[in-house]
């Protein structure tokens, strides 16, 4: 027995969801790449609880988080 109040996902909705996930991934990857590039070119280091953390990985992770946040802001304010 199917629940008629819940419409089934159409092929168009599925491809739209895939496109949104791809776009979010692009933002995250772009932020990670920017963070990694900044850490290498600028010698950026993070200070966490008094400990200096250097290298590419922590700054790339912060860049990825920033990229996902930028995607959220874009979806909130510009995509209707």
Protein backbone atom coordinates (compact mmCIF):
# COMPACT_ATOMS: atom_id res chain seq x y z
CA UNK A 1 0.00 0.00 0.00
CA UNK A 2 1.42 3.38 -0.98
CA UNK A 3 0.93 6.66 0.80
CA UNK A 4 -0.70 8.98 -1.73
CA UNK A 5 0.10 12.11 0.29
CA UNK A 6 3.82 11.65 -0.40
CA UNK A 7 4.64 12.26 -4.07
CA UNK A 8 7.34 10.07 -5.57
CA UNK A 9 10.58 11.73 -6.60
CA UNK A 10 10.61 12.37 -10.31
CA UNK A 11 13.70 12.05 -12.46
CA UNK A 12 13.84 15.85 -12.69
CA UNK A 13 13.91 16.22 -8.88
CA UNK A 14 16.64 13.60 -8.59
CA UNK A 15 18.84 15.34 -11.17
CA UNK A 16 18.20 18.68 -9.44
CA UNK A 17 19.36 17.19 -6.13
CA UNK A 18 22.49 15.81 -7.80
CA UNK A 19 23.23 19.22 -9.30
CA UNK A 20 22.89 20.89 -5.89
CA UNK A 21 25.21 18.34 -4.28
CA UNK A 22 27.75 18.88 -7.06
CA UNK A 23 27.56 22.65 -6.58
CA UNK A 24 28.10 22.31 -2.83
CA UNK A 25 31.09 20.07 -3.53
CA UNK A 26 32.55 22.65 -5.89
CA UNK A 27 32.27 25.34 -3.22
CA UNK A 28 33.92 23.06 -0.62
CA UNK A 29 36.70 22.04 -3.00
CA UNK A 30 37.29 25.64 -4.02
CA UNK A 31 37.54 26.73 -0.40
CA UNK A 32 39.92 23.87 0.40
CA UNK A 33 42.10 24.72 -2.59
CA UNK A 34 42.16 28.40 -1.64
CA UNK A 35 43.07 27.53 1.94
CA UNK A 36 45.82 25.14 0.85
CA UNK A 37 47.20 27.69 -1.58
CA UNK A 38 47.16 30.42 1.03
CA UNK A 39 48.98 28.22 3.54
CA UNK A 40 51.71 27.36 1.04
CA UNK A 41 52.16 30.78 -0.53
CA UNK A 42 51.58 32.90 2.55
CA UNK A 43 52.93 30.63 5.26
CA UNK A 44 49.65 30.87 7.18
CA UNK A 45 49.51 29.06 10.50
CA UNK A 46 46.63 28.57 12.91
CA UNK A 47 46.79 29.01 16.66
CA UNK A 48 44.48 26.64 18.51
CA UNK A 49 44.41 26.79 22.32
CA UNK A 50 47.87 28.33 22.41
CA UNK A 51 49.38 25.73 20.09
CA UNK A 52 50.56 26.77 16.66
CA UNK A 53 49.33 24.39 13.99
CA UNK A 54 51.11 24.76 10.69
CA UNK A 55 50.88 23.11 7.36
CA UNK A 56 48.41 22.80 4.58
CA UNK A 57 45.80 20.43 6.03
CA UNK A 58 44.31 22.54 8.86
CA UNK A 59 44.05 25.64 6.67
CA UNK A 60 42.56 23.59 3.82
CA UNK A 61 39.92 22.22 6.21
CA UNK A 62 39.04 25.75 7.34
CA UNK A 63 38.84 26.72 3.65
CA UNK A 64 36.47 23.84 2.93
CA UNK A 65 34.24 24.84 5.84
CA UNK A 66 34.26 28.43 4.60
CA UNK A 67 33.37 27.22 1.09
CA UNK A 68 30.38 25.27 2.39
CA UNK A 69 29.31 28.31 4.41
CA UNK A 70 29.54 30.46 1.28
CA UNK A 71 27.36 27.93 -0.54
CA UNK A 72 24.78 28.17 2.27
CA UNK A 73 24.75 31.96 2.05
CA UNK A 74 24.36 31.78 -1.73
CA UNK A 75 21.44 29.35 -1.45
CA UNK A 76 19.79 31.44 1.24
CA UNK A 77 19.97 34.86 -0.38
CA UNK A 78 20.39 34.40 -4.13
CA UNK A 79 18.69 31.16 -5.11
CA UNK A 80 14.94 31.33 -4.86
